[in-house]
N, C-alpha and C. Protein backbone atom coordinates (compact mmCIF):
# COMPACT_ATOMS: atom_id res chain seq x y z
N MET A 1 0.82 -1.19 0.00
CA MET A 1 0.00 0.00 0.00
C MET A 1 0.87 1.26 0.00
N ALA A 2 1.97 1.22 0.72
CA ALA A 2 2.85 2.39 0.78
C ALA A 2 3.52 2.66 -0.55
N THR A 3 3.78 1.63 -1.34
CA THR A 3 4.44 1.84 -2.63
C THR A 3 3.51 2.46 -3.65
N ALA A 4 2.20 2.33 -3.46
CA ALA A 4 1.26 2.93 -4.39
C ALA A 4 1.29 4.46 -4.31
N ASN A 5 1.63 4.99 -3.14
CA ASN A 5 1.67 6.43 -2.95
C ASN A 5 3.07 7.00 -3.04
N ALA A 6 4.04 6.18 -3.38
CA ALA A 6 5.43 6.63 -3.44
C ALA A 6 5.64 7.58 -4.62
N ASP A 7 6.50 8.54 -4.42
CA ASP A 7 6.83 9.50 -5.47
C ASP A 7 7.90 8.89 -6.37
N ARG A 8 7.58 8.72 -7.63
CA ARG A 8 8.54 8.11 -8.57
C ARG A 8 9.66 9.06 -8.93
N LEU A 9 9.49 10.34 -8.69
CA LEU A 9 10.52 11.32 -9.05
C LEU A 9 11.44 11.66 -7.88
N GLU A 10 11.27 10.99 -6.76
CA GLU A 10 12.12 11.26 -5.59
C GLU A 10 13.60 11.05 -5.89
N PRO A 11 13.99 9.94 -6.52
CA PRO A 11 15.43 9.77 -6.82
C PRO A 11 15.98 10.86 -7.75
N LEU A 12 15.16 11.34 -8.66
CA LEU A 12 15.59 12.40 -9.57
C LEU A 12 15.82 13.71 -8.81
N GLY A 13 14.94 14.05 -7.91
CA GLY A 13 15.10 15.26 -7.12
C GLY A 13 16.32 15.19 -6.22
N ILE A 14 16.53 14.04 -5.60
CA ILE A 14 17.70 13.87 -4.74
C ILE A 14 18.97 13.92 -5.57
N GLY A 15 18.96 13.29 -6.73
CA GLY A 15 20.14 13.28 -7.60
C GLY A 15 20.52 14.68 -8.07
N PHE A 16 19.54 15.46 -8.49
CA PHE A 16 19.82 16.83 -8.93
C PHE A 16 20.28 17.70 -7.76
N GLY A 17 19.72 17.47 -6.59
CA GLY A 17 20.14 18.21 -5.42
C GLY A 17 21.60 17.95 -5.08
N VAL A 18 21.98 16.67 -5.09
CA VAL A 18 23.37 16.30 -4.82
C VAL A 18 24.28 16.87 -5.89
N LEU A 19 23.84 16.84 -7.15
CA LEU A 19 24.65 17.39 -8.24
C LEU A 19 24.89 18.89 -8.04
N LEU A 20 23.87 19.63 -7.64
CA LEU A 20 24.03 21.07 -7.41
C LEU A 20 24.98 21.34 -6.25
N VAL A 21 24.90 20.53 -5.20
CA VAL A 21 25.81 20.70 -4.07
C VAL A 21 27.24 20.44 -4.52
N LEU A 22 27.46 19.39 -5.28
CA LEU A 22 28.80 19.07 -5.76
C LEU A 22 29.35 20.15 -6.71
N ILE A 23 28.49 20.70 -7.55
CA ILE A 23 28.93 21.79 -8.45
C ILE A 23 29.32 23.02 -7.64
N GLY A 24 28.53 23.34 -6.61
CA GLY A 24 28.87 24.48 -5.77
C GLY A 24 30.18 24.29 -5.03
N ILE A 25 30.40 23.08 -4.50
CA ILE A 25 31.65 22.80 -3.80
C ILE A 25 32.83 22.85 -4.76
N ALA A 26 32.65 22.31 -5.97
CA ALA A 26 33.73 22.33 -6.95
C ALA A 26 34.06 23.76 -7.39
N THR A 27 33.05 24.60 -7.47
CA THR A 27 33.29 25.99 -7.84
C THR A 27 34.08 26.71 -6.75
N ILE A 28 33.71 26.46 -5.50
CA ILE A 28 34.45 27.08 -4.40
C ILE A 28 35.87 26.53 -4.33
N ALA A 29 36.03 25.22 -4.56
CA ALA A 29 37.36 24.62 -4.53
C ALA A 29 38.23 25.12 -5.67
N GLY A 30 37.61 25.56 -6.74
CA GLY A 30 38.34 26.11 -7.88
C GLY A 30 38.79 27.54 -7.66
N THR A 31 38.55 28.08 -6.51
CA THR A 31 38.89 29.44 -6.10
C THR A 31 38.61 30.49 -7.18
N PRO A 32 37.32 30.79 -7.40
CA PRO A 32 36.99 31.78 -8.42
C PRO A 32 37.52 33.18 -8.10
N TRP A 33 37.86 33.44 -6.84
CA TRP A 33 38.36 34.75 -6.45
C TRP A 33 39.85 34.91 -6.76
N ALA A 34 40.51 33.85 -7.20
CA ALA A 34 41.95 33.92 -7.46
C ALA A 34 42.26 34.52 -8.85
N HIS A 35 41.28 34.60 -9.72
CA HIS A 35 41.49 35.13 -11.06
C HIS A 35 41.18 36.62 -11.07
N LYS A 36 42.07 37.41 -11.58
CA LYS A 36 41.91 38.87 -11.52
C LYS A 36 41.41 39.48 -12.82
N SER A 37 41.09 38.66 -13.81
CA SER A 37 40.71 39.21 -15.11
C SER A 37 39.30 39.80 -15.12
N GLY A 38 38.43 39.35 -14.23
CA GLY A 38 37.04 39.80 -14.28
C GLY A 38 36.69 40.91 -13.32
N GLY A 39 37.53 41.21 -12.40
CA GLY A 39 37.23 42.25 -11.43
C GLY A 39 36.64 41.67 -10.16
N ALA A 40 36.59 42.52 -9.16
CA ALA A 40 36.14 42.08 -7.84
C ALA A 40 34.66 41.72 -7.82
N LEU A 41 33.85 42.45 -8.56
CA LEU A 41 32.42 42.18 -8.56
C LEU A 41 32.12 40.81 -9.15
N LEU A 42 32.83 40.44 -10.19
CA LEU A 42 32.63 39.14 -10.80
C LEU A 42 33.06 38.02 -9.85
N MET A 43 34.14 38.23 -9.14
CA MET A 43 34.61 37.21 -8.19
C MET A 43 33.62 37.02 -7.05
N VAL A 44 33.06 38.11 -6.55
CA VAL A 44 32.07 38.03 -5.48
C VAL A 44 30.81 37.33 -6.01
N GLY A 45 30.43 37.65 -7.22
CA GLY A 45 29.26 37.02 -7.83
C GLY A 45 29.43 35.52 -8.00
N GLN A 46 30.61 35.09 -8.41
CA GLN A 46 30.87 33.66 -8.55
C GLN A 46 30.84 32.95 -7.20
N GLY A 47 31.39 33.58 -6.18
CA GLY A 47 31.36 32.99 -4.85
C GLY A 47 29.95 32.87 -4.31
N LEU A 48 29.16 33.93 -4.48
CA LEU A 48 27.77 33.90 -4.03
C LEU A 48 26.94 32.90 -4.83
N GLY A 49 27.23 32.79 -6.10
CA GLY A 49 26.54 31.81 -6.93
C GLY A 49 26.84 30.38 -6.50
N ALA A 50 28.09 30.13 -6.13
CA ALA A 50 28.46 28.80 -5.65
C ALA A 50 27.76 28.47 -4.34
N VAL A 51 27.72 29.43 -3.43
CA VAL A 51 27.03 29.21 -2.16
C VAL A 51 25.52 29.02 -2.41
N ALA A 52 24.97 29.79 -3.32
CA ALA A 52 23.55 29.64 -3.64
C ALA A 52 23.25 28.28 -4.25
N ALA A 53 24.15 27.76 -5.08
CA ALA A 53 23.97 26.43 -5.66
C ALA A 53 23.96 25.36 -4.58
N ILE A 54 24.83 25.52 -3.58
CA ILE A 54 24.87 24.56 -2.48
C ILE A 54 23.56 24.62 -1.69
N VAL A 55 23.09 25.82 -1.39
CA VAL A 55 21.86 25.98 -0.61
C VAL A 55 20.65 25.43 -1.37
N VAL A 56 20.55 25.76 -2.65
CA VAL A 56 19.42 25.29 -3.45
C VAL A 56 19.47 23.78 -3.62
N GLY A 57 20.66 23.24 -3.85
CA GLY A 57 20.79 21.79 -4.00
C GLY A 57 20.43 21.04 -2.73
N ALA A 58 20.90 21.54 -1.59
CA ALA A 58 20.57 20.90 -0.32
C ALA A 58 19.06 20.99 -0.04
N GLY A 59 18.49 22.15 -0.35
CA GLY A 59 17.04 22.30 -0.17
C GLY A 59 16.24 21.39 -1.08
N LEU A 60 16.68 21.24 -2.31
CA LEU A 60 15.98 20.37 -3.25
C LEU A 60 16.04 18.92 -2.80
N ALA A 61 17.23 18.48 -2.39
CA ALA A 61 17.37 17.10 -1.92
C ALA A 61 16.53 16.86 -0.67
N TRP A 62 16.51 17.83 0.24
CA TRP A 62 15.73 17.69 1.46
C TRP A 62 14.23 17.66 1.13
N LEU A 63 13.81 18.53 0.22
CA LEU A 63 12.39 18.59 -0.15
C LEU A 63 11.96 17.33 -0.87
N ALA A 64 12.81 16.79 -1.74
CA ALA A 64 12.45 15.58 -2.46
C ALA A 64 12.40 14.38 -1.52
N ARG A 65 13.21 14.40 -0.49
CA ARG A 65 13.25 13.29 0.46
C ARG A 65 12.06 13.28 1.41
N LYS A 66 11.52 14.46 1.69
CA LYS A 66 10.41 14.59 2.64
C LYS A 66 9.14 14.02 2.14
């Protein structure tokens, strides 16, 4: 009975969430602030984007799991 109400897209949501977290961590590990060609604003934007990817990915995985 419990399998009849199971969400078939749960593994997909968890997978995409984990992928976003890994992309965010890889971006931070790649030190986007170390490159000086784009300016300080671009470096801050890349850092914030990486943190946002981690937050959104963790939220998506948590929401899909619930």
